[in-house]
Amino acid sequence: MTQQAAALQTYNNELVKCIEELCSKRDELNRQIKQEEEEKERLQHDIRILSEKLSRVNESLAQRLAARATFDRTIAETEAAYTKILESSQSLLNILKQEAGNLSKATEPCRKEH
């Protein structure tokens, strides 16, 4: 029986050692899990902050794009109107020169041919 008791004691010691190793591995795994959960929470917080910033930037960008479109439209309309003014001025100048020429001819003394 002593041999059996010794074998039983050896098995018991090995079993206790295996259980302790498993407990140690479980504790290490728990530590890693806790670490990753904390990292996950930090990342989720960062995502929330960045999402809020992105939303504000998108709103600001939309307003600026709308303002730029208004500027573009106003500039285009003003340039078109200015071009029409230039064309009208040129037409008026041409008509005025033509009329001045006609008036000059009408007011010139008549030459008599001999």
N, C-alpha and C. Protein backbone atom coordinates (compact mmCIF):
# COMPACT_ATOMS: atom_id res chain seq x y z
N MET A 1 0.81 -1.20 0.00
CA MET A 1 0.00 0.00 0.00
C MET A 1 0.85 1.26 0.00
N THR A 2 2.01 1.16 0.50
CA THR A 2 2.87 2.33 0.53
C THR A 2 3.18 2.79 -0.89
N GLN A 3 3.40 1.81 -1.76
CA GLN A 3 3.68 2.15 -3.14
C GLN A 3 2.46 2.81 -3.78
N GLN A 4 1.30 2.31 -3.45
CA GLN A 4 0.06 2.90 -3.98
C GLN A 4 -0.16 4.30 -3.39
N ALA A 5 0.16 4.44 -2.12
CA ALA A 5 -0.01 5.74 -1.48
C ALA A 5 0.97 6.74 -2.09
N ALA A 6 2.18 6.28 -2.36
CA ALA A 6 3.17 7.16 -2.97
C ALA A 6 2.73 7.57 -4.37
N ALA A 7 2.20 6.61 -5.14
CA ALA A 7 1.72 6.91 -6.49
C ALA A 7 0.54 7.88 -6.41
N LEU A 8 -0.35 7.63 -5.45
CA LEU A 8 -1.49 8.51 -5.27
C LEU A 8 -1.04 9.91 -4.89
N GLN A 9 -0.05 10.00 -4.03
CA GLN A 9 0.48 11.31 -3.62
C GLN A 9 1.12 12.03 -4.82
N THR A 10 1.83 11.30 -5.67
CA THR A 10 2.45 11.87 -6.86
C THR A 10 1.37 12.39 -7.81
N TYR A 11 0.34 11.59 -8.01
CA TYR A 11 -0.76 12.02 -8.88
C TYR A 11 -1.44 13.26 -8.31
N ASN A 12 -1.61 13.25 -7.01
CA ASN A 12 -2.26 14.37 -6.34
C ASN A 12 -1.42 15.64 -6.52
N ASN A 13 -0.11 15.51 -6.32
CA ASN A 13 0.78 16.67 -6.47
C ASN A 13 0.74 17.20 -7.91
N GLU A 14 0.76 16.29 -8.88
CA GLU A 14 0.71 16.70 -10.28
C GLU A 14 -0.63 17.36 -10.62
N LEU A 15 -1.68 16.80 -10.03
CA LEU A 15 -3.00 17.38 -10.26
C LEU A 15 -3.08 18.78 -9.69
N VAL A 16 -2.59 18.96 -8.48
CA VAL A 16 -2.59 20.29 -7.85
C VAL A 16 -1.75 21.26 -8.69
N LYS A 17 -0.59 20.80 -9.16
CA LYS A 17 0.28 21.63 -9.98
C LYS A 17 -0.42 22.04 -11.28
N CYS A 18 -1.11 21.10 -11.92
CA CYS A 18 -1.85 21.39 -13.16
C CYS A 18 -2.97 22.40 -12.89
N ILE A 19 -3.67 22.22 -11.79
CA ILE A 19 -4.76 23.15 -11.44
C ILE A 19 -4.19 24.55 -11.19
N GLU A 20 -3.06 24.61 -10.49
CA GLU A 20 -2.43 25.91 -10.23
C GLU A 20 -1.98 26.58 -11.53
N GLU A 21 -1.44 25.80 -12.45
CA GLU A 21 -1.03 26.35 -13.74
C GLU A 21 -2.24 26.86 -14.52
N LEU A 22 -3.33 26.10 -14.50
CA LEU A 22 -4.55 26.53 -15.18
C LEU A 22 -5.09 27.82 -14.56
N CYS A 23 -5.05 27.88 -13.22
CA CYS A 23 -5.51 29.10 -12.54
C CYS A 23 -4.63 30.29 -12.90
N SER A 24 -3.33 30.06 -12.98
CA SER A 24 -2.40 31.12 -13.36
C SER A 24 -2.67 31.60 -14.78
N LYS A 25 -2.89 30.65 -15.70
CA LYS A 25 -3.20 31.00 -17.07
C LYS A 25 -4.53 31.75 -17.17
N ARG A 26 -5.50 31.32 -16.37
CA ARG A 26 -6.80 32.00 -16.35
C ARG A 26 -6.64 33.43 -15.84
N ASP A 27 -5.84 33.61 -14.79
CA ASP A 27 -5.61 34.95 -14.24
C ASP A 27 -4.95 35.86 -15.28
N GLU A 28 -3.98 35.32 -16.00
CA GLU A 28 -3.32 36.09 -17.06
C GLU A 28 -4.32 36.45 -18.17
N LEU A 29 -5.15 35.48 -18.52
CA LEU A 29 -6.17 35.73 -19.54
C LEU A 29 -7.15 36.80 -19.07
N ASN A 30 -7.55 36.74 -17.80
CA ASN A 30 -8.45 37.76 -17.23
C ASN A 30 -7.81 39.14 -17.30
N ARG A 31 -6.51 39.21 -17.01
CA ARG A 31 -5.80 40.49 -17.07
C ARG A 31 -5.80 41.02 -18.51
N GLN A 32 -5.56 40.15 -19.47
CA GLN A 32 -5.57 40.56 -20.87
C GLN A 32 -6.96 41.00 -21.32
N ILE A 33 -7.97 40.27 -20.86
CA ILE A 33 -9.35 40.62 -21.20
C ILE A 33 -9.69 42.01 -20.65
N LYS A 34 -9.31 42.25 -19.39
CA LYS A 34 -9.59 43.55 -18.78
C LYS A 34 -8.88 44.66 -19.54
N GLN A 35 -7.64 44.41 -19.93
CA GLN A 35 -6.87 45.38 -20.69
C GLN A 35 -7.55 45.71 -22.02
N GLU A 36 -7.98 44.67 -22.72
CA GLU A 36 -8.63 44.88 -24.02
C GLU A 36 -9.98 45.56 -23.88
N GLU A 37 -10.71 45.25 -22.80
CA GLU A 37 -12.00 45.92 -22.58
C GLU A 37 -11.78 47.41 -22.33
N GLU A 38 -10.72 47.75 -21.58
CA GLU A 38 -10.41 49.16 -21.32
C GLU A 38 -10.02 49.85 -22.63
N GLU A 39 -9.23 49.19 -23.44
CA GLU A 39 -8.83 49.74 -24.75
C GLU A 39 -10.06 49.93 -25.63
N LYS A 40 -10.98 48.97 -25.59
CA LYS A 40 -12.21 49.06 -26.36
C LYS A 40 -13.01 50.29 -25.93
N GLU A 41 -13.13 50.51 -24.63
CA GLU A 41 -13.87 51.67 -24.13
C GLU A 41 -13.21 52.97 -24.57
N ARG A 42 -11.87 53.02 -24.50
CA ARG A 42 -11.16 54.23 -24.95
C ARG A 42 -11.41 54.47 -26.44
N LEU A 43 -11.34 53.42 -27.21
CA LEU A 43 -11.56 53.56 -28.66
C LEU A 43 -12.99 54.00 -28.97
N GLN A 44 -13.95 53.43 -28.26
CA GLN A 44 -15.34 53.84 -28.48
C GLN A 44 -15.54 55.30 -28.11
N HIS A 45 -14.90 55.74 -27.04
CA HIS A 45 -14.97 57.15 -26.64
C HIS A 45 -14.36 58.03 -27.73
N ASP A 46 -13.19 57.63 -28.22
CA ASP A 46 -12.53 58.39 -29.28
C ASP A 46 -13.40 58.44 -30.54
N ILE A 47 -14.04 57.34 -30.86
CA ILE A 47 -14.93 57.29 -32.03
C ILE A 47 -16.09 58.27 -31.86
N ARG A 48 -16.66 58.31 -30.66
CA ARG A 48 -17.76 59.25 -30.41
C ARG A 48 -17.29 60.69 -30.60
N ILE A 49 -16.13 61.00 -30.02
CA ILE A 49 -15.58 62.36 -30.13
C ILE A 49 -15.33 62.70 -31.61
N LEU A 50 -14.68 61.79 -32.32
CA LEU A 50 -14.37 62.04 -33.74
C LEU A 50 -15.64 62.13 -34.58
N SER A 51 -16.63 61.33 -34.26
CA SER A 51 -17.90 61.39 -35.00
C SER A 51 -18.57 62.75 -34.81
N GLU A 52 -18.52 63.26 -33.58
CA GLU A 52 -19.09 64.58 -33.32
C GLU A 52 -18.33 65.66 -34.09
N LYS A 53 -17.00 65.56 -34.08
CA LYS A 53 -16.19 66.53 -34.83
C LYS A 53 -16.48 66.44 -36.31
N LEU A 54 -16.59 65.21 -36.83
CA LEU A 54 -16.89 65.01 -38.24
C LEU A 54 -18.23 65.63 -38.60
N SER A 55 -19.19 65.46 -37.73
CA SER A 55 -20.52 66.02 -37.98
C SER A 55 -20.45 67.55 -38.05
N ARG A 56 -19.71 68.16 -37.10
CA ARG A 56 -19.57 69.62 -37.11
C ARG A 56 -18.84 70.10 -38.36
N VAL A 57 -17.80 69.38 -38.76
CA VAL A 57 -17.06 69.76 -39.97
C VAL A 57 -17.95 69.62 -41.20
N ASN A 58 -18.74 68.56 -41.27
CA ASN A 58 -19.64 68.37 -42.40
C ASN A 58 -20.66 69.50 -42.49
N GLU A 59 -21.20 69.91 -41.34
CA GLU A 59 -22.16 71.01 -41.33
C GLU A 59 -21.51 72.31 -41.81
N SER A 60 -20.33 72.59 -41.28
CA SER A 60 -19.60 73.80 -41.66
C SER A 60 -19.26 73.76 -43.15
N LEU A 61 -18.81 72.62 -43.61
CA LEU A 61 -18.46 72.47 -45.02
C LEU A 61 -19.68 72.70 -45.92
N ALA A 62 -20.81 72.16 -45.52
CA ALA A 62 -22.04 72.34 -46.31
C ALA A 62 -22.40 73.83 -46.39
N GLN A 63 -22.28 74.54 -45.27
CA GLN A 63 -22.58 75.97 -45.26
C GLN A 63 -21.61 76.73 -46.16
N ARG A 64 -20.34 76.37 -46.08
CA ARG A 64 -19.34 77.07 -46.89
C ARG A 64 -19.54 76.77 -48.38
N LEU A 65 -19.89 75.54 -48.70
CA LEU A 65 -20.15 75.19 -50.09
C LEU A 65 -21.35 75.96 -50.63
N ALA A 66 -22.37 76.10 -49.81
CA ALA A 66 -23.56 76.86 -50.22
C ALA A 66 -23.19 78.34 -50.42
N ALA A 67 -22.38 78.87 -49.51
CA ALA A 67 -21.96 80.26 -49.64
C ALA A 67 -21.12 80.45 -50.90
N ARG A 68 -20.23 79.51 -51.18
CA ARG A 68 -19.41 79.60 -52.39
C ARG A 68 -20.29 79.56 -53.64
N ALA A 69 -21.29 78.71 -53.63
CA ALA A 69 -22.20 78.62 -54.77
C ALA A 69 -22.92 79.96 -54.97
N THR A 70 -23.30 80.60 -53.87
CA THR A 70 -23.94 81.91 -53.96
C THR A 70 -22.98 82.94 -54.54
N PHE A 71 -21.73 82.91 -54.07
CA PHE A 71 -20.72 83.81 -54.64
C PHE A 71 -20.54 83.57 -56.13
N ASP A 72 -20.40 82.30 -56.50
CA ASP A 72 -20.21 81.95 -57.91
C ASP A 72 -21.37 82.46 -58.76
N ARG A 73 -22.59 82.26 -58.27
CA ARG A 73 -23.78 82.70 -59.02
C ARG A 73 -23.80 84.23 -59.13
N THR A 74 -23.50 84.92 -58.03
CA THR A 74 -23.52 86.38 -58.03
C THR A 74 -22.44 86.93 -58.97
N ILE A 75 -21.26 86.33 -58.92
CA ILE A 75 -20.17 86.77 -59.80
C ILE A 75 -20.56 86.55 -61.26
N ALA A 76 -21.10 85.39 -61.57
CA ALA A 76 -21.49 85.09 -62.96
C ALA A 76 -22.56 86.07 -63.44
N GLU A 77 -23.55 86.34 -62.60
CA GLU A 77 -24.61 87.28 -62.99
C GLU A 77 -24.06 88.69 -63.17
N THR A 78 -23.16 89.09 -62.28
CA THR A 78 -22.57 90.42 -62.37
C THR A 78 -21.70 90.55 -63.62
N GLU A 79 -20.91 89.53 -63.90
CA GLU A 79 -20.07 89.56 -65.09
C GLU A 79 -20.93 89.61 -66.36
N ALA A 80 -22.02 88.86 -66.37
CA ALA A 80 -22.91 88.88 -67.54
C ALA A 80 -23.53 90.26 -67.72
N ALA A 81 -23.97 90.85 -66.61
CA ALA A 81 -24.56 92.19 -66.69
C ALA A 81 -23.52 93.21 -67.13
N TYR A 82 -22.31 93.08 -66.62
CA TYR A 82 -21.23 94.00 -67.00
C TYR A 82 -20.90 93.87 -68.49
N THR A 83 -20.90 92.64 -68.98
CA THR A 83 -20.66 92.41 -70.40
C THR A 83 -21.75 93.09 -71.24
N LYS A 84 -22.98 92.99 -70.80
CA LYS A 84 -24.08 93.65 -71.53
C LYS A 84 -23.91 95.17 -71.51
N ILE A 85 -23.45 95.69 -70.36
CA ILE A 85 -23.21 97.14 -70.27
C ILE A 85 -22.12 97.55 -71.25
N LEU A 86 -21.04 96.77 -71.30
CA LEU A 86 -19.97 97.07 -72.24
C LEU A 86 -20.47 97.03 -73.68
N GLU A 87 -21.24 96.01 -74.00
CA GLU A 87 -21.77 95.90 -75.36
C GLU A 87 -22.69 97.08 -75.68
N SER A 88 -23.53 97.46 -74.72
CA SER A 88 -24.42 98.60 -74.92
C SER A 88 -23.62 99.89 -75.08
N SER A 89 -22.57 100.05 -74.27
CA SER A 89 -21.72 101.23 -74.37
C SER A 89 -21.06 101.31 -75.73
N GLN A 90 -20.58 100.17 -76.22
CA GLN A 90 -19.95 100.13 -77.54
C GLN A 90 -20.95 100.49 -78.62
N SER A 91 -22.15 99.94 -78.52
CA SER A 91 -23.20 100.25 -79.49
C SER A 91 -23.55 101.73 -79.45
N LEU A 92 -23.68 102.26 -78.24
CA LEU A 92 -24.00 103.68 -78.08
C LEU A 92 -22.90 104.56 -78.66
N LEU A 93 -21.66 104.17 -78.42
CA LEU A 93 -20.54 104.94 -78.96
C LEU A 93 -20.54 104.90 -80.48
N ASN A 94 -20.78 103.73 -81.05
CA ASN A 94 -20.84 103.62 -82.52
C ASN A 94 -21.96 104.48 -83.10
N ILE A 95 -23.13 104.44 -82.47
CA ILE A 95 -24.26 105.25 -82.94
C ILE A 95 -23.94 106.73 -82.81
N LEU A 96 -23.32 107.10 -81.68
CA LEU A 96 -22.98 108.49 -81.46
C LEU A 96 -21.97 108.98 -82.50
N LYS A 97 -20.98 108.17 -82.82
CA LYS A 97 -19.99 108.55 -83.84
C LYS A 97 -20.67 108.69 -85.21
N GLN A 98 -21.57 107.78 -85.50
CA GLN A 98 -22.27 107.83 -86.79
C GLN A 98 -23.12 109.09 -86.87
N GLU A 99 -23.84 109.37 -85.79
CA GLU A 99 -24.69 110.57 -85.77
C GLU A 99 -23.84 111.84 -85.83
N ALA A 100 -22.70 111.84 -85.13
CA ALA A 100 -21.81 113.01 -85.17
C ALA A 100 -21.30 113.21 -86.59
N GLY A 101 -20.98 112.12 -87.25
CA GLY A 101 -20.55 112.22 -88.65
C GLY A 101 -21.63 112.78 -89.53
N ASN A 102 -22.83 112.30 -89.32
CA ASN A 102 -23.97 112.78 -90.12
C ASN A 102 -24.20 114.27 -89.85
N LEU A 103 -24.08 114.67 -88.58
CA LEU A 103 -24.29 116.07 -88.23
C LEU A 103 -23.20 116.94 -88.84
N SER A 104 -21.99 116.42 -88.85
CA SER A 104 -20.88 117.18 -89.45
C SER A 104 -21.14 117.41 -90.92
N LYS A 105 -21.61 116.41 -91.62
CA LYS A 105 -21.90 116.54 -93.05
C LYS A 105 -23.04 117.51 -93.28
N ALA A 106 -24.01 117.47 -92.39
CA ALA A 106 -25.18 118.33 -92.56
C ALA A 106 -24.83 119.78 -92.28
N THR A 107 -23.86 120.04 -91.43
CA THR A 107 -23.54 121.42 -91.08
C THR A 107 -22.39 122.00 -91.89
N GLU A 108 -21.77 121.22 -92.75
CA GLU A 108 -20.70 121.72 -93.60
C GLU A 108 -21.28 122.66 -94.65
N PRO A 109 -20.55 123.74 -94.96
CA PRO A 109 -21.03 124.61 -96.01
C PRO A 109 -20.99 123.89 -97.35
N CYS A 110 -21.93 124.15 -98.12
CA CYS A 110 -22.00 123.53 -99.43
C CYS A 110 -20.94 124.13 -100.33
N ARG A 111 -20.22 123.33 -101.01
CA ARG A 111 -19.22 123.79 -101.96
C ARG A 111 -19.86 123.91 -103.32
N LYS A 112 -19.57 124.96 -103.91
CA LYS A 112 -20.09 125.15 -105.25
C LYS A 112 -18.99 124.78 -106.20
N GLU A 113 -19.35 124.04 -107.15
CA GLU A 113 -18.37 123.63 -108.12
C GLU A 113 -18.35 124.63 -109.26
N HIS A 114 -17.28 125.03 -109.75
CA HIS A 114 -17.14 126.05 -110.79
C HIS A 114 -17.01 125.44 -112.10
